[in-house]
Amino acid sequence: MSPAASPLFLSTAQPDFQERFTERLHWSAEQDEAIEQRVKDILREVRARGDEAVLAFTARFDRLPAASMAALELQAADLQAAFESLPAAQRQALEQAAARIRRYHEWQKKQGGETASYRDEDGTLLG
């Protein structure tokens, strides 16, 4: 199983903590062909079987069985209430993340929709 396929729990009390932590920092999905192939397989299944495949993968990966796509929908009022219940610092962090995602997406659309690397105003490499 690839590093990203299962959760990893680290503790600073572990004797090999630094080594395992550093290993995770340097892992890149771009280099993991098994993950790339699995994603392609999932997308192919969704294209072929549509909602049925989405529901099956949701039950499998998220452990959330649903009878229909409508059962997976979140109501806008519930989302707003959840957002407003967050501490101010978390709301601000989410708003900042959303703004950064929008900027990257706008930049990506100008590139013809191709995924590419992009450095934002903070110098963070995205993409």
N, C-alpha and C. Protein backbone atom coordinates (compact mmCIF):
# COMPACT_ATOMS: atom_id res chain seq x y z
N MET A 1 0.85 -1.18 0.00
CA MET A 1 0.00 0.00 0.00
C MET A 1 0.89 1.24 0.00
N SER A 2 0.55 2.24 -0.76
CA SER A 2 1.37 3.44 -0.86
C SER A 2 1.24 4.29 0.39
N PRO A 3 2.19 5.21 0.65
CA PRO A 3 2.18 6.02 1.86
C PRO A 3 0.90 6.79 2.09
N ALA A 4 0.25 7.27 1.04
CA ALA A 4 -0.94 8.10 1.22
C ALA A 4 -2.21 7.27 1.35
N ALA A 5 -2.12 5.98 1.11
CA ALA A 5 -3.32 5.16 1.10
C ALA A 5 -3.80 4.78 2.49
N SER A 6 -2.95 4.86 3.49
CA SER A 6 -3.36 4.54 4.84
C SER A 6 -2.88 5.65 5.77
N PRO A 7 -3.65 5.90 6.84
CA PRO A 7 -3.25 6.97 7.75
C PRO A 7 -1.95 6.61 8.47
N LEU A 8 -1.20 7.60 8.78
CA LEU A 8 0.04 7.41 9.51
C LEU A 8 -0.05 8.22 10.78
N PHE A 9 0.21 7.58 11.89
CA PHE A 9 0.19 8.28 13.17
C PHE A 9 1.61 8.35 13.68
N LEU A 10 2.06 9.56 13.93
CA LEU A 10 3.40 9.78 14.43
C LEU A 10 3.33 10.40 15.81
N SER A 11 4.31 10.07 16.62
CA SER A 11 4.45 10.69 17.94
C SER A 11 5.90 11.10 18.10
N THR A 12 6.11 12.27 18.65
CA THR A 12 7.49 12.72 18.87
C THR A 12 8.20 11.83 19.87
N ALA A 13 7.46 10.99 20.59
CA ALA A 13 8.07 10.06 21.54
C ALA A 13 8.64 8.82 20.84
N GLN A 14 8.27 8.61 19.59
CA GLN A 14 8.79 7.45 18.86
C GLN A 14 10.28 7.65 18.58
N PRO A 15 11.09 6.60 18.75
CA PRO A 15 12.52 6.76 18.51
C PRO A 15 12.86 7.11 17.06
N ASP A 16 12.03 6.66 16.12
CA ASP A 16 12.30 6.94 14.70
C ASP A 16 11.42 8.08 14.17
N PHE A 17 10.90 8.92 15.07
CA PHE A 17 9.99 9.98 14.67
C PHE A 17 10.58 10.86 13.58
N GLN A 18 11.77 11.40 13.80
CA GLN A 18 12.35 12.35 12.85
C GLN A 18 12.51 11.73 11.47
N GLU A 19 12.98 10.50 11.43
CA GLU A 19 13.17 9.81 10.15
C GLU A 19 11.83 9.61 9.43
N ARG A 20 10.82 9.14 10.16
CA ARG A 20 9.50 8.90 9.55
C ARG A 20 8.84 10.21 9.13
N PHE A 21 9.00 11.24 9.93
CA PHE A 21 8.43 12.55 9.62
C PHE A 21 9.07 13.12 8.36
N THR A 22 10.38 13.06 8.28
CA THR A 22 11.11 13.56 7.11
C THR A 22 10.72 12.78 5.86
N GLU A 23 10.56 11.48 6.00
CA GLU A 23 10.13 10.65 4.86
C GLU A 23 8.79 11.12 4.33
N ARG A 24 7.87 11.47 5.19
CA ARG A 24 6.56 11.93 4.77
C ARG A 24 6.63 13.30 4.10
N LEU A 25 7.52 14.14 4.56
CA LEU A 25 7.65 15.46 3.96
C LEU A 25 8.13 15.38 2.52
N HIS A 26 8.92 14.37 2.21
CA HIS A 26 9.51 14.26 0.88
C HIS A 26 8.73 13.37 -0.07
N TRP A 27 7.63 12.79 0.40
CA TRP A 27 6.81 11.94 -0.46
C TRP A 27 6.02 12.81 -1.41
N SER A 28 5.88 12.37 -2.64
CA SER A 28 5.14 13.13 -3.65
C SER A 28 4.24 12.20 -4.44
N ALA A 29 2.95 12.55 -4.51
CA ALA A 29 2.00 11.74 -5.27
C ALA A 29 2.35 11.69 -6.75
N GLU A 30 3.04 12.75 -7.23
CA GLU A 30 3.41 12.79 -8.64
C GLU A 30 4.30 11.62 -9.01
N GLN A 31 5.06 11.13 -8.05
CA GLN A 31 6.01 10.07 -8.32
C GLN A 31 5.43 8.69 -8.06
N ASP A 32 4.24 8.62 -7.55
CA ASP A 32 3.67 7.33 -7.19
C ASP A 32 2.72 6.86 -8.29
N GLU A 33 3.23 6.04 -9.17
CA GLU A 33 2.45 5.57 -10.31
C GLU A 33 1.24 4.75 -9.89
N ALA A 34 1.34 4.06 -8.77
CA ALA A 34 0.22 3.24 -8.30
C ALA A 34 -0.98 4.12 -7.97
N ILE A 35 -0.74 5.25 -7.36
CA ILE A 35 -1.83 6.17 -7.04
C ILE A 35 -2.41 6.74 -8.32
N GLU A 36 -1.55 7.15 -9.22
CA GLU A 36 -2.02 7.69 -10.49
C GLU A 36 -2.92 6.68 -11.21
N GLN A 37 -2.50 5.43 -11.23
CA GLN A 37 -3.28 4.39 -11.91
C GLN A 37 -4.60 4.17 -11.19
N ARG A 38 -4.59 4.16 -9.87
CA ARG A 38 -5.83 3.95 -9.12
C ARG A 38 -6.82 5.07 -9.39
N VAL A 39 -6.34 6.30 -9.43
CA VAL A 39 -7.22 7.43 -9.72
C VAL A 39 -7.82 7.28 -11.11
N LYS A 40 -7.00 6.89 -12.08
CA LYS A 40 -7.51 6.68 -13.44
C LYS A 40 -8.59 5.60 -13.45
N ASP A 41 -8.36 4.53 -12.69
CA ASP A 41 -9.35 3.44 -12.62
C ASP A 41 -10.67 3.94 -12.03
N ILE A 42 -10.58 4.72 -10.97
CA ILE A 42 -11.78 5.26 -10.33
C ILE A 42 -12.53 6.17 -11.30
N LEU A 43 -11.81 7.06 -11.96
CA LEU A 43 -12.45 7.97 -12.92
C LEU A 43 -13.11 7.20 -14.06
N ARG A 44 -12.45 6.16 -14.53
CA ARG A 44 -13.02 5.34 -15.60
C ARG A 44 -14.33 4.68 -15.12
N GLU A 45 -14.33 4.19 -13.89
CA GLU A 45 -15.54 3.58 -13.32
C GLU A 45 -16.67 4.60 -13.20
N VAL A 46 -16.34 5.80 -12.75
CA VAL A 46 -17.36 6.84 -12.60
C VAL A 46 -17.91 7.23 -13.96
N ARG A 47 -17.05 7.34 -14.96
CA ARG A 47 -17.54 7.67 -16.31
C ARG A 47 -18.45 6.58 -16.85
N ALA A 48 -18.10 5.34 -16.57
CA ALA A 48 -18.87 4.22 -17.10
C ALA A 48 -20.17 3.98 -16.33
N ARG A 49 -20.13 4.12 -15.01
CA ARG A 49 -21.28 3.75 -14.20
C ARG A 49 -21.96 4.93 -13.52
N GLY A 50 -21.40 6.12 -13.66
CA GLY A 50 -22.03 7.33 -13.13
C GLY A 50 -22.26 7.32 -11.63
N ASP A 51 -23.46 7.77 -11.25
CA ASP A 51 -23.80 7.91 -9.83
C ASP A 51 -23.64 6.60 -9.06
N GLU A 52 -23.95 5.50 -9.71
CA GLU A 52 -23.82 4.19 -9.05
C GLU A 52 -22.38 3.99 -8.55
N ALA A 53 -21.40 4.36 -9.38
CA ALA A 53 -20.00 4.22 -8.99
C ALA A 53 -19.64 5.21 -7.89
N VAL A 54 -20.13 6.44 -7.99
CA VAL A 54 -19.85 7.44 -6.95
C VAL A 54 -20.37 6.94 -5.61
N LEU A 55 -21.58 6.41 -5.59
CA LEU A 55 -22.16 5.90 -4.34
C LEU A 55 -21.35 4.72 -3.81
N ALA A 56 -20.91 3.84 -4.69
CA ALA A 56 -20.11 2.69 -4.26
C ALA A 56 -18.77 3.14 -3.69
N PHE A 57 -18.10 4.08 -4.36
CA PHE A 57 -16.81 4.57 -3.85
C PHE A 57 -16.99 5.36 -2.56
N THR A 58 -18.07 6.09 -2.43
CA THR A 58 -18.34 6.82 -1.20
C THR A 58 -18.52 5.85 -0.04
N ALA A 59 -19.25 4.78 -0.27
CA ALA A 59 -19.43 3.77 0.78
C ALA A 59 -18.10 3.09 1.12
N ARG A 60 -17.30 2.84 0.10
CA ARG A 60 -16.04 2.13 0.32
C ARG A 60 -14.98 3.00 0.99
N PHE A 61 -14.73 4.17 0.44
CA PHE A 61 -13.64 5.00 0.93
C PHE A 61 -14.02 5.89 2.11
N ASP A 62 -15.23 6.39 2.11
CA ASP A 62 -15.67 7.29 3.18
C ASP A 62 -16.48 6.56 4.25
N ARG A 63 -16.79 5.31 3.98
CA ARG A 63 -17.63 4.52 4.88
C ARG A 63 -18.94 5.25 5.17
N LEU A 64 -19.50 5.78 4.10
CA LEU A 64 -20.75 6.52 4.18
C LEU A 64 -21.73 5.95 3.17
N PRO A 65 -22.49 4.94 3.57
CA PRO A 65 -23.46 4.38 2.63
C PRO A 65 -24.59 5.37 2.38
N ALA A 66 -24.97 5.51 1.13
CA ALA A 66 -26.07 6.41 0.76
C ALA A 66 -26.88 5.74 -0.34
N ALA A 67 -28.19 5.91 -0.25
CA ALA A 67 -29.09 5.29 -1.23
C ALA A 67 -29.14 6.07 -2.53
N SER A 68 -28.80 7.37 -2.46
CA SER A 68 -28.88 8.20 -3.66
C SER A 68 -27.89 9.35 -3.54
N MET A 69 -27.65 10.02 -4.66
CA MET A 69 -26.79 11.19 -4.65
C MET A 69 -27.40 12.29 -3.79
N ALA A 70 -28.71 12.40 -3.81
CA ALA A 70 -29.39 13.42 -3.01
C ALA A 70 -29.10 13.23 -1.52
N ALA A 71 -28.90 11.99 -1.10
CA ALA A 71 -28.61 11.72 0.31
C ALA A 71 -27.23 12.25 0.71
N LEU A 72 -26.37 12.51 -0.26
CA LEU A 72 -25.03 13.03 0.02
C LEU A 72 -24.99 14.56 0.04
N GLU A 73 -26.05 15.19 -0.42
CA GLU A 73 -26.06 16.65 -0.51
C GLU A 73 -26.15 17.29 0.87
N LEU A 74 -25.41 18.36 1.05
CA LEU A 74 -25.47 19.16 2.27
C LEU A 74 -26.25 20.43 1.97
N GLN A 75 -27.14 20.78 2.85
CA GLN A 75 -27.96 21.97 2.65
C GLN A 75 -27.14 23.23 2.95
N ALA A 76 -27.36 24.27 2.17
CA ALA A 76 -26.61 25.53 2.33
C ALA A 76 -26.75 26.07 3.74
N ALA A 77 -27.94 26.00 4.31
CA ALA A 77 -28.16 26.52 5.67
C ALA A 77 -27.32 25.76 6.69
N ASP A 78 -27.21 24.44 6.52
CA ASP A 78 -26.39 23.63 7.44
C ASP A 78 -24.91 23.98 7.31
N LEU A 79 -24.47 24.18 6.08
CA LEU A 79 -23.07 24.57 5.85
C LEU A 79 -22.77 25.92 6.47
N GLN A 80 -23.69 26.88 6.28
CA GLN A 80 -23.50 28.21 6.84
C GLN A 80 -23.48 28.16 8.37
N ALA A 81 -24.38 27.39 8.96
CA ALA A 81 -24.42 27.27 10.42
C ALA A 81 -23.13 26.65 10.95
N ALA A 82 -22.63 25.63 10.26
CA ALA A 82 -21.38 25.00 10.69
C ALA A 82 -20.23 25.99 10.59
N PHE A 83 -20.18 26.74 9.50
CA PHE A 83 -19.12 27.74 9.32
C PHE A 83 -19.17 28.79 10.42
N GLU A 84 -20.36 29.28 10.71
CA GLU A 84 -20.52 30.33 11.72
C GLU A 84 -20.22 29.83 13.13
N SER A 85 -20.30 28.52 13.35
CA SER A 85 -20.02 27.98 14.68
C SER A 85 -18.52 27.84 14.95
N LEU A 86 -17.70 28.01 13.92
CA LEU A 86 -16.26 27.88 14.08
C LEU A 86 -15.68 29.08 14.82
N PRO A 87 -14.58 28.87 15.53
CA PRO A 87 -13.87 30.02 16.11
C PRO A 87 -13.42 30.96 14.99
N ALA A 88 -13.33 32.23 15.32
CA ALA A 88 -12.99 33.26 14.32
C ALA A 88 -11.71 32.94 13.56
N ALA A 89 -10.69 32.43 14.24
CA ALA A 89 -9.42 32.13 13.58
C ALA A 89 -9.59 31.04 12.53
N GLN A 90 -10.41 30.05 12.81
CA GLN A 90 -10.64 28.99 11.83
C GLN A 90 -11.46 29.50 10.65
N ARG A 91 -12.44 30.34 10.91
CA ARG A 91 -13.22 30.92 9.81
C ARG A 91 -12.30 31.73 8.90
N GLN A 92 -11.44 32.54 9.51
CA GLN A 92 -10.53 33.37 8.73
C GLN A 92 -9.58 32.49 7.91
N ALA A 93 -9.08 31.42 8.49
CA ALA A 93 -8.18 30.52 7.76
C ALA A 93 -8.89 29.89 6.57
N LEU A 94 -10.14 29.48 6.75
CA LEU A 94 -10.91 28.89 5.65
C LEU A 94 -11.18 29.92 4.56
N GLU A 95 -11.50 31.14 4.96
CA GLU A 95 -11.74 32.19 3.97
C GLU A 95 -10.48 32.48 3.17
N GLN A 96 -9.35 32.51 3.85
CA GLN A 96 -8.07 32.75 3.17
C GLN A 96 -7.75 31.60 2.22
N ALA A 97 -7.97 30.37 2.66
CA ALA A 97 -7.72 29.21 1.80
C ALA A 97 -8.62 29.25 0.57
N ALA A 98 -9.88 29.59 0.77
CA ALA A 98 -10.83 29.65 -0.36
C ALA A 98 -10.39 30.72 -1.36
N ALA A 99 -9.93 31.85 -0.86
CA ALA A 99 -9.48 32.93 -1.75
C ALA A 99 -8.26 32.47 -2.56
N ARG A 100 -7.34 31.76 -1.92
CA ARG A 100 -6.15 31.27 -2.62
C ARG A 100 -6.53 30.24 -3.68
N ILE A 101 -7.47 29.38 -3.35
CA ILE A 101 -7.93 28.38 -4.31
C ILE A 101 -8.57 29.06 -5.51
N ARG A 102 -9.39 30.08 -5.25
CA ARG A 102 -10.03 30.82 -6.36
C ARG A 102 -8.98 31.47 -7.26
N ARG A 103 -7.97 32.11 -6.64
CA ARG A 103 -6.92 32.75 -7.44
C ARG A 103 -6.19 31.72 -8.31
N TYR A 104 -5.86 30.59 -7.72
CA TYR A 104 -5.17 29.55 -8.49
C TYR A 104 -6.07 29.05 -9.62
N HIS A 105 -7.32 28.84 -9.32
CA HIS A 105 -8.24 28.35 -10.35
C HIS A 105 -8.37 29.36 -11.49
N GLU A 106 -8.48 30.63 -11.17
CA GLU A 106 -8.55 31.66 -12.22
C GLU A 106 -7.28 31.64 -13.06
N TRP A 107 -6.13 31.51 -12.41
CA TRP A 107 -4.87 31.43 -13.14
C TRP A 107 -4.87 30.19 -14.03
N GLN A 108 -5.35 29.06 -13.47
CA GLN A 108 -5.37 27.80 -14.21
C GLN A 108 -6.27 27.91 -15.44
N LYS A 109 -7.41 28.57 -15.32
CA LYS A 109 -8.31 28.74 -16.47
C LYS A 109 -7.61 29.52 -17.58
N LYS A 110 -6.79 30.50 -17.21
CA LYS A 110 -6.06 31.27 -18.21
C LYS A 110 -5.02 30.42 -18.93
N GLN A 111 -4.62 29.32 -18.29
CA GLN A 111 -3.64 28.40 -18.89
C GLN A 111 -4.33 27.35 -19.75
N GLY A 112 -5.61 27.52 -19.99
CA GLY A 112 -6.35 26.56 -20.80
C GLY A 112 -6.84 25.35 -20.02
N GLY A 113 -6.88 25.49 -18.70
CA GLY A 113 -7.38 24.40 -17.87
C GLY A 113 -6.35 23.35 -17.51
N GLU A 114 -5.15 23.51 -18.03
CA GLU A 114 -4.10 22.54 -17.73
C GLU A 114 -3.60 22.74 -16.30
N THR A 115 -3.30 21.64 -15.64
CA THR A 115 -2.70 21.72 -14.32
C THR A 115 -1.24 22.10 -14.50
N ALA A 116 -0.82 23.09 -13.79
CA ALA A 116 0.56 23.53 -13.88
C ALA A 116 0.97 24.13 -12.55
N SER A 117 2.25 24.30 -12.37
CA SER A 117 2.74 24.91 -11.14
C SER A 117 2.54 26.41 -11.20
N TYR A 118 2.29 26.97 -10.05
CA TYR A 118 1.98 28.39 -9.93
C TYR A 118 2.51 28.84 -8.58
N ARG A 119 3.18 29.97 -8.54
CA ARG A 119 3.69 30.50 -7.28
C ARG A 119 2.82 31.70 -6.91
N ASP A 120 2.20 31.63 -5.73
CA ASP A 120 1.30 32.72 -5.33
C ASP A 120 2.09 33.89 -4.74
N GLU A 121 1.34 34.91 -4.32
CA GLU A 121 1.99 36.13 -3.82
C GLU A 121 2.81 35.89 -2.55
N ASP A 122 2.53 34.80 -1.82
CA ASP A 122 3.32 34.46 -0.64
C ASP A 122 4.57 33.67 -0.99
N GLY A 123 4.68 33.28 -2.26
CA GLY A 123 5.81 32.48 -2.69
C GLY A 123 5.57 30.98 -2.58
N THR A 124 4.34 30.59 -2.25
CA THR A 124 4.00 29.18 -2.11
C THR A 124 3.79 28.58 -3.49
N LEU A 125 4.41 27.43 -3.74
CA LEU A 125 4.26 26.73 -5.01
C LEU A 125 2.99 25.90 -4.96
N LEU A 126 2.08 26.14 -5.88
CA LEU A 126 0.80 25.43 -5.96
C LEU A 126 0.73 24.67 -7.27
N GLY A 127 -0.09 23.65 -7.29
CA GLY A 127 -0.32 22.92 -8.53
C GLY A 127 0.30 21.57 -8.55
